[in-house]
PDB file of N, CA and C in Angstrom:
ATOM      1  N   UNK A   1      10.993 -13.482 -10.897  1.00  0.00           N
ATOM      2  CA  UNK A   1      11.319 -12.756  -9.948  1.00  0.00           C
ATOM      3  C   UNK A   1      12.289 -11.934  -9.516  1.00  0.00           C
ATOM      4  N   UNK A   2      12.097 -11.006  -8.458  1.00  0.00           N
ATOM      5  CA  UNK A   2      13.189  -9.875  -8.593  1.00  0.00           C
ATOM      6  C   UNK A   2      14.222  -9.880  -7.248  1.00  0.00           C
ATOM      7  N   UNK A   3      15.405 -10.034  -7.633  1.00  0.00           N
ATOM      8  CA  UNK A   3      16.450 -10.311  -6.439  1.00  0.00           C
ATOM      9  C   UNK A   3      16.782  -9.155  -6.051  1.00  0.00           C
ATOM     10  N   UNK A   4      16.476  -8.552  -4.687  1.00  0.00           N
ATOM     11  CA  UNK A   4      16.528  -7.664  -3.923  1.00  0.00           C
ATOM     12  C   UNK A   4      17.713  -7.578  -3.457  1.00  0.00           C
ATOM     13  N   UNK A   5      18.866  -6.151  -3.026  1.00  0.00           N
ATOM     14  CA  UNK A   5      19.677  -6.048  -2.516  1.00  0.00           C
ATOM     15  C   UNK A   5      19.638  -5.254  -1.649  1.00  0.00           C
ATOM     16  N   UNK A   6      20.516  -5.072  -0.656  1.00  0.00           N
ATOM     17  CA  UNK A   6      20.536  -3.975   0.765  1.00  0.00           C
ATOM     18  C   UNK A   6      20.536  -2.458   0.408  1.00  0.00           C
ATOM     19  N   UNK A   7      20.998  -2.172  -0.948  1.00  0.00           N
ATOM     20  CA  UNK A   7      20.974  -0.942  -1.581  1.00  0.00           C
ATOM     21  C   UNK A   7      19.711  -0.765  -1.674  1.00  0.00           C
ATOM     22  N   UNK A   8      19.225  -1.754  -2.494  1.00  0.00           N
ATOM     23  CA  UNK A   8      17.558  -1.343  -2.776  1.00  0.00           C
ATOM     24  C   UNK A   8      16.607  -1.057  -1.438  1.00  0.00           C
ATOM     25  N   UNK A   9      16.938  -1.492  -0.599  1.00  0.00           N
ATOM     26  CA  UNK A   9      16.169  -1.475   0.752  1.00  0.00           C
ATOM     27  C   UNK A   9      16.428  -0.136   1.291  1.00  0.00           C
ATOM     28  N   UNK A  10      17.866   0.191   1.352  1.00  0.00           N
ATOM     29  CA  UNK A  10      18.628   1.763   1.911  1.00  0.00           C
ATOM     30  C   UNK A  10      17.949   2.809   0.848  1.00  0.00           C
ATOM     31  N   UNK A  11      18.192   2.445  -0.639  1.00  0.00           N
ATOM     32  CA  UNK A  11      17.021   3.551  -1.363  1.00  0.00           C
ATOM     33  C   UNK A  11      15.420   3.866  -1.102  1.00  0.00           C
ATOM     34  N   UNK A  12      14.890   2.496  -1.003  1.00  0.00           N
ATOM     35  CA  UNK A  12      13.289   3.056  -0.339  1.00  0.00           C
ATOM     36  C   UNK A  12      13.397   3.185   0.910  1.00  0.00           C
ATOM     37  N   UNK A  13      14.114   2.931   2.164  1.00  0.00           N
ATOM     38  CA  UNK A  13      14.189   3.736   2.959  1.00  0.00           C
ATOM     39  C   UNK A  13      14.527   5.578   3.016  1.00  0.00           C
ATOM     40  N   UNK A  14      15.647   5.713   2.068  1.00  0.00           N
ATOM     41  CA  UNK A  14      15.900   7.151   2.110  1.00  0.00           C
ATOM     42  C   UNK A  14      14.822   8.091   1.341  1.00  0.00           C
ATOM     43  N   UNK A  15      13.476   7.375   0.410  1.00  0.00           N
ATOM     44  CA  UNK A  15      12.815   7.924  -0.225  1.00  0.00           C
ATOM     45  C   UNK A  15      11.632   7.970   0.797  1.00  0.00           C
ATOM     46  N   UNK A  16      11.454   6.910   1.724  1.00  0.00           N
ATOM     47  CA  UNK A  16      10.522   7.141   2.860  1.00  0.00           C
ATOM     48  C   UNK A  16      10.793   8.493   3.808  1.00  0.00           C
ATOM     49  N   UNK A  17      12.160   8.248   3.543  1.00  0.00           N
ATOM     50  CA  UNK A  17      12.838   9.424   4.860  1.00  0.00           C
ATOM     51  C   UNK A  17      12.240  10.849   4.200  1.00  0.00           C
ATOM     52  N   UNK A  18      12.488  10.882   2.994  1.00  0.00           N
ATOM     53  CA  UNK A  18      12.318  12.303   2.113  1.00  0.00           C
ATOM     54  C   UNK A  18      11.238  12.642   1.645  1.00  0.00           C
ATOM     55  N   UNK A  19      10.535  11.654   1.812  1.00  0.00           N
ATOM     56  CA  UNK A  19       8.913  11.717   1.371  1.00  0.00           C
ATOM     57  C   UNK A  19       8.770  11.918  -0.334  1.00  0.00           C
ATOM     58  N   UNK A  20      10.039  11.196  -0.892  1.00  0.00           N
ATOM     59  CA  UNK A  20      10.090  11.206  -2.700  1.00  0.00           C
ATOM     60  C   UNK A  20       8.889   9.944  -2.764  1.00  0.00           C
ATOM     61  N   UNK A  21       8.322  10.396  -3.824  1.00  0.00           N
ATOM     62  CA  UNK A  21       7.001   8.658  -4.128  1.00  0.00           C
ATOM     63  C   UNK A  21       8.123   7.996  -5.580  1.00  0.00           C
ATOM     64  N   UNK A  22       8.955   8.501  -5.947  1.00  0.00           N
ATOM     65  CA  UNK A  22       9.802   7.551  -7.034  1.00  0.00           C
ATOM     66  C   UNK A  22      11.105   7.317  -6.549  1.00  0.00           C
ATOM     67  N   UNK A  23      11.254   6.262  -6.868  1.00  0.00           N
ATOM     68  CA  UNK A  23      12.172   5.229  -6.463  1.00  0.00           C
ATOM     69  C   UNK A  23      12.732   5.035  -7.571  1.00  0.00           C
ATOM     70  N   UNK A  24      14.770   5.068  -7.896  1.00  0.00           N
ATOM     71  CA  UNK A  24      15.280   4.542  -8.942  1.00  0.00           C
ATOM     72  C   UNK A  24      16.212   3.202  -8.472  1.00  0.00           C
ATOM     73  N   UNK A  25      16.145   2.201  -8.664  1.00  0.00           N
ATOM     74  CA  UNK A  25      16.857   1.483  -7.709  1.00  0.00           C
ATOM     75  C   UNK A  25      18.463   0.727  -8.859  1.00  0.00           C
ATOM     76  N   UNK A  26      19.600   0.043  -8.302  1.00  0.00           N
ATOM     77  CA  UNK A  26      20.677  -0.016  -8.662  1.00  0.00           C
ATOM     78  C   UNK A  26      20.856  -0.263  -9.984  1.00  0.00           C
ATOM     79  N   UNK A  27      19.763  -1.462 -10.298  1.00  0.00           N
ATOM     80  CA  UNK A  27      20.030  -1.811 -11.643  1.00  0.00           C
ATOM     81  C   UNK A  27      18.808  -1.642 -12.775  1.00  0.00           C
ATOM     82  N   UNK A  28      18.902  -0.356 -12.220  1.00  0.00           N
ATOM     83  CA  UNK A  28      18.082   0.969 -13.470  1.00  0.00           C
ATOM     84  C   UNK A  28      16.430   0.597 -13.405  1.00  0.00           C
ATOM     85  N   UNK A  29      15.824  -0.275 -12.844  1.00  0.00           N
ATOM     86  CA  UNK A  29      15.000  -0.297 -12.629  1.00  0.00           C
ATOM     87  C   UNK A  29      13.767   1.320 -11.820  1.00  0.00           C
ATOM     88  N   UNK A  30      13.094   1.820 -12.080  1.00  0.00           N
ATOM     89  CA  UNK A  30      12.273   3.186 -12.029  1.00  0.00           C
ATOM     90  C   UNK A  30      10.551   2.933 -11.457  1.00  0.00           C
ATOM     91  N   UNK A  31      10.413   3.018 -10.116  1.00  0.00           N
ATOM     92  CA  UNK A  31       9.437   2.931  -9.994  1.00  0.00           C
ATOM     93  C   UNK A  31       8.539   4.395  -9.083  1.00  0.00           C
ATOM     94  N   UNK A  32       7.549   4.196  -9.682  1.00  0.00           N
ATOM     95  CA  UNK A  32       6.350   5.288  -8.414  1.00  0.00           C
ATOM     96  C   UNK A  32       5.876   4.716  -7.912  1.00  0.00           C
ATOM     97  N   UNK A  33       5.675   5.224  -6.865  1.00  0.00           N
ATOM     98  CA  UNK A  33       4.851   4.758  -5.752  1.00  0.00           C
ATOM     99  C   UNK A  33       3.450   5.684  -5.593  1.00  0.00           C
ATOM    100  N   UNK A  34       2.051   5.063  -5.255  1.00  0.00           N
ATOM    101  CA  UNK A  34       0.978   6.268  -5.312  1.00  0.00           C
ATOM    102  C   UNK A  34       0.796   6.493  -3.680  1.00  0.00           C
ATOM    103  N   UNK A  35       1.501   6.198  -2.918  1.00  0.00           N
ATOM    104  CA  UNK A  35       1.452   6.704  -1.893  1.00  0.00           C
ATOM    105  C   UNK A  35       2.543   6.134  -0.674  1.00  0.00           C
ATOM    106  N   UNK A  36       2.544   6.927   0.479  1.00  0.00           N
ATOM    107  CA  UNK A  36       3.531   6.297   1.329  1.00  0.00           C
ATOM    108  C   UNK A  36       2.950   4.733   1.782  1.00  0.00           C
ATOM    109  N   UNK A  37       2.112   4.578   1.881  1.00  0.00           N
ATOM    110  CA  UNK A  37       1.692   3.277   2.153  1.00  0.00           C
ATOM    111  C   UNK A  37       2.062   1.922   1.487  1.00  0.00           C
ATOM    112  N   UNK A  38       2.308   2.245   0.116  1.00  0.00           N
ATOM    113  CA  UNK A  38       2.729   1.377  -0.654  1.00  0.00           C
ATOM    114  C   UNK A  38       4.349   1.204  -0.727  1.00  0.00           C
ATOM    115  N   UNK A  39       5.010   2.685  -0.143  1.00  0.00           N
ATOM    116  CA  UNK A  39       6.543   2.112  -0.139  1.00  0.00           C
ATOM    117  C   UNK A  39       6.805   2.142   1.192  1.00  0.00           C
ATOM    118  N   UNK A  40       6.270   1.974   1.629  1.00  0.00           N
ATOM    119  CA  UNK A  40       6.121   1.392   3.523  1.00  0.00           C
ATOM    120  C   UNK A  40       5.749  -0.074   3.404  1.00  0.00           C
ATOM    121  N   UNK A  41       5.063  -0.167   2.160  1.00  0.00           N
ATOM    122  CA  UNK A  41       4.543  -1.878   2.197  1.00  0.00           C
ATOM    123  C   UNK A  41       5.760  -2.769   1.064  1.00  0.00           C
ATOM    124  N   UNK A  42       6.342  -1.908   0.087  1.00  0.00           N
ATOM    125  CA  UNK A  42       7.321  -2.476  -0.835  1.00  0.00           C
ATOM    126  C   UNK A  42       8.990  -2.434   0.435  1.00  0.00           C
ATOM    127  N   UNK A  43       9.602  -1.927   1.048  1.00  0.00           N
ATOM    128  CA  UNK A  43      10.292  -1.936   2.053  1.00  0.00           C
ATOM    129  C   UNK A  43      10.092  -3.071   2.933  1.00  0.00           C
ATOM    130  N   UNK A  44       8.557  -3.377   3.391  1.00  0.00           N
ATOM    131  CA  UNK A  44       8.534  -4.524   4.027  1.00  0.00           C
ATOM    132  C   UNK A  44       9.034  -5.708   3.255  1.00  0.00           C
ATOM    133  N   UNK A  45       8.342  -6.049   1.766  1.00  0.00           N
ATOM    134  CA  UNK A  45       8.490  -6.900   1.189  1.00  0.00           C
ATOM    135  C   UNK A  45       9.995  -7.474   0.942  1.00  0.00           C
ATOM    136  N   UNK A  46      10.556  -5.619   0.431  1.00  0.00           N
ATOM    137  CA  UNK A  46      12.141  -6.095   0.089  1.00  0.00           C
ATOM    138  C   UNK A  46      12.890  -6.620   1.669  1.00  0.00           C
ATOM    139  N   UNK A  47      12.468  -6.181   2.832  1.00  0.00           N
ATOM    140  CA  UNK A  47      13.149  -6.557   3.733  1.00  0.00           C
ATOM    141  C   UNK A  47      12.899  -8.098   4.033  1.00  0.00           C
ATOM    142  N   UNK A  48      11.452  -8.698   3.744  1.00  0.00           N
ATOM    143  CA  UNK A  48      11.354  -9.825   4.384  1.00  0.00           C
ATOM    144  C   UNK A  48      12.151 -10.801   2.881  1.00  0.00           C
ATOM    145  N   UNK A  49      12.266 -10.155   1.544  1.00  0.00           N
ATOM    146  CA  UNK A  49      12.733 -11.134   0.663  1.00  0.00           C
ATOM    147  C   UNK A  49      14.698 -11.029   0.956  1.00  0.00           C
ATOM    148  N   UNK A  50      15.158 -10.085   1.661  1.00  0.00           N
ATOM    149  CA  UNK A  50      16.166  -9.944   2.040  1.00  0.00           C
ATOM    150  C   UNK A  50      16.463 -11.482   3.252  1.00  0.00           C
ATOM    151  N   UNK A  51      15.374 -11.351   4.125  1.00  0.00           N
ATOM    152  CA  UNK A  51      15.603 -12.169   5.400  1.00  0.00           C
ATOM    153  C   UNK A  51      15.726 -13.671   4.988  1.00  0.00           C
ATOM    154  N   UNK A  52      14.564 -13.726   3.713  1.00  0.00           N
ATOM    155  CA  UNK A  52      14.594 -15.485   3.213  1.00  0.00           C
ATOM    156  C   UNK A  52      15.933 -15.551   2.830  1.00  0.00           C
ATOM    157  N   UNK A  53      16.393 -15.040   2.016  1.00  0.00           N
ATOM    158  CA  UNK A  53      17.824 -14.807   0.976  1.00  0.00           C
ATOM    159  C   UNK A  53      18.990 -15.641   1.892  1.00  0.00           C
ATOM    160  N   UNK A  54      18.662 -14.511   2.993  1.00  0.00           N
ATOM    161  CA  UNK A  54      20.098 -15.021   3.924  1.00  0.00           C
ATOM    162  C   UNK A  54      19.975 -16.099   4.810  1.00  0.00           C
ATOM    163  N   UNK A  55      18.795 -16.495   5.145  1.00  0.00           N
ATOM    164  CA  UNK A  55      18.132 -17.950   5.660  1.00  0.00           C
ATOM    165  C   UNK A  55      18.693 -18.836   4.814  1.00  0.00           C
ATOM    166  N   UNK A  56      18.265 -18.534   3.536  1.00  0.00           N
ATOM    167  CA  UNK A  56      18.302 -19.605   2.341  1.00  0.00           C
ATOM    168  C   UNK A  56      19.917 -19.948   2.074  1.00  0.00           C
ATOM    169  N   UNK A  57      21.263 -18.762   1.913  1.00  0.00           N
ATOM    170  CA  UNK A  57      22.232 -18.841   2.188  1.00  0.00           C
ATOM    171  C   UNK A  57      22.710 -19.818   3.308  1.00  0.00           C
ATOM    172  N   UNK A  58      22.444 -19.379   4.661  1.00  0.00           N
ATOM    173  CA  UNK A  58      22.836 -19.834   5.779  1.00  0.00           C
ATOM    174  C   UNK A  58      22.262 -20.801   6.196  1.00  0.00           C
ATOM    175  N   UNK A  59      21.257 -21.836   5.631  1.00  0.00           N
ATOM    176  CA  UNK A  59      21.231 -23.173   5.845  1.00  0.00           C
ATOM    177  C   UNK A  59      20.062 -23.044   7.059  1.00  0.00           C
ATOM    178  N   UNK A  60      19.495 -22.139   7.632  1.00  0.00           N
ATOM    179  CA  UNK A  60      18.694 -22.409   8.384  1.00  0.00           C
ATOM    180  C   UNK A  60      17.650 -23.247   8.005  1.00  0.00           C
ATOM    181  N   UNK A  61      17.137 -23.797   8.567  1.00  0.00           N
ATOM    182  CA  UNK A  61      15.886 -24.632   8.119  1.00  0.00           C
ATOM    183  C   UNK A  61      15.275 -24.837   9.001  1.00  0.00           C
ATOM    184  N   UNK A  62      13.864 -24.435   9.525  1.00  0.00           N
ATOM    185  CA  UNK A  62      12.992 -24.793  10.696  1.00  0.00           C
ATOM    186  C   UNK A  62      11.881 -25.943  10.150  1.00  0.00           C
ATOM    187  N   UNK A  63      11.881 -26.675  11.350  1.00  0.00           N
ATOM    188  CA  UNK A  63      10.760 -27.789  10.858  1.00  0.00           C
ATOM    189  C   UNK A  63      10.121 -27.791  12.314  1.00  0.00           C
ATOM    190  N   UNK A  64       8.499 -27.613  11.679  1.00  0.00           N
ATOM    191  CA  UNK A  64       7.848 -27.800  12.793  1.00  0.00           C
ATOM    192  C   UNK A  64       7.171 -29.191  13.105  1.00  0.00           C
ATOM    193  N   UNK A  65       6.900 -29.529  14.507  1.00  0.00           N
ATOM    194  CA  UNK A  65       6.430 -30.480  14.323  1.00  0.00           C
ATOM    195  C   UNK A  65       5.243 -30.444  15.424  1.00  0.00           C
ATOM    196  N   UNK A  66       3.890 -30.868  15.018  1.00  0.00           N
ATOM    197  CA  UNK A  66       2.827 -30.499  16.085  1.00  0.00           C
ATOM    198  C   UNK A  66       2.400 -31.477  17.416  1.00  0.00           C
ATOM    199  N   UNK A  67       2.288 -31.006  18.173  1.00  0.00           N
ATOM    200  CA  UNK A  67       1.601 -31.655  19.245  1.00  0.00           C
ATOM    201  C   UNK A  67       0.712 -31.849  20.042  1.00  0.00           C
ATOM    202  N   UNK A  68       0.226 -32.832  20.314  1.00  0.00           N
ATOM    203  CA  UNK A  68      -0.904 -33.015  20.554  1.00  0.00           C
ATOM    204  C   UNK A  68      -1.037 -33.456  21.883  1.00  0.00           C
ATOM    205  N   UNK A  69      -2.447 -32.839  22.557  1.00  0.00           N
ATOM    206  CA  UNK A  69      -2.655 -33.037  24.166  1.00  0.00           C
ATOM    207  C   UNK A  69      -2.871 -34.821  24.173  1.00  0.00           C
ATOM    208  N   UNK A  70      -3.822 -35.570  23.487  1.00  0.00           N
ATOM    209  CA  UNK A  70      -4.301 -36.490  23.269  1.00  0.00           C
ATOM    210  C   UNK A  70      -3.156 -37.662  23.122  1.00  0.00           C
ATOM    211  N   UNK A  71      -2.013 -37.509  22.463  1.00  0.00           N
ATOM    212  CA  UNK A  71      -0.754 -38.478  22.692  1.00  0.00           C
ATOM    213  C   UNK A  71      -0.905 -38.972  21.197  1.00  0.00           C
ATOM    214  N   UNK A  72      -1.560 -38.542  20.276  1.00  0.00           N
ATOM    215  CA  UNK A  72      -1.048 -38.972  18.647  1.00  0.00           C
ATOM    216  C   UNK A  72       0.376 -38.534  18.022  1.00  0.00           C
TER     217      UNK A  72
END
């Protein structure tokens, strides 16, 4: 599992803005994406991972309780 950083997100966003498909991350990994769609998908994955990391550190724990109309 890869631990993403905000610099990775900034790098992917700058690649999207400039139209470059090859990205070199802060830890030295180099990835070449096939299309802009893959870059956008990578941006969403990194952003979601960063949000999950922030929630894990912040201690946010959401619990969902079902609601039944028949009284169960």
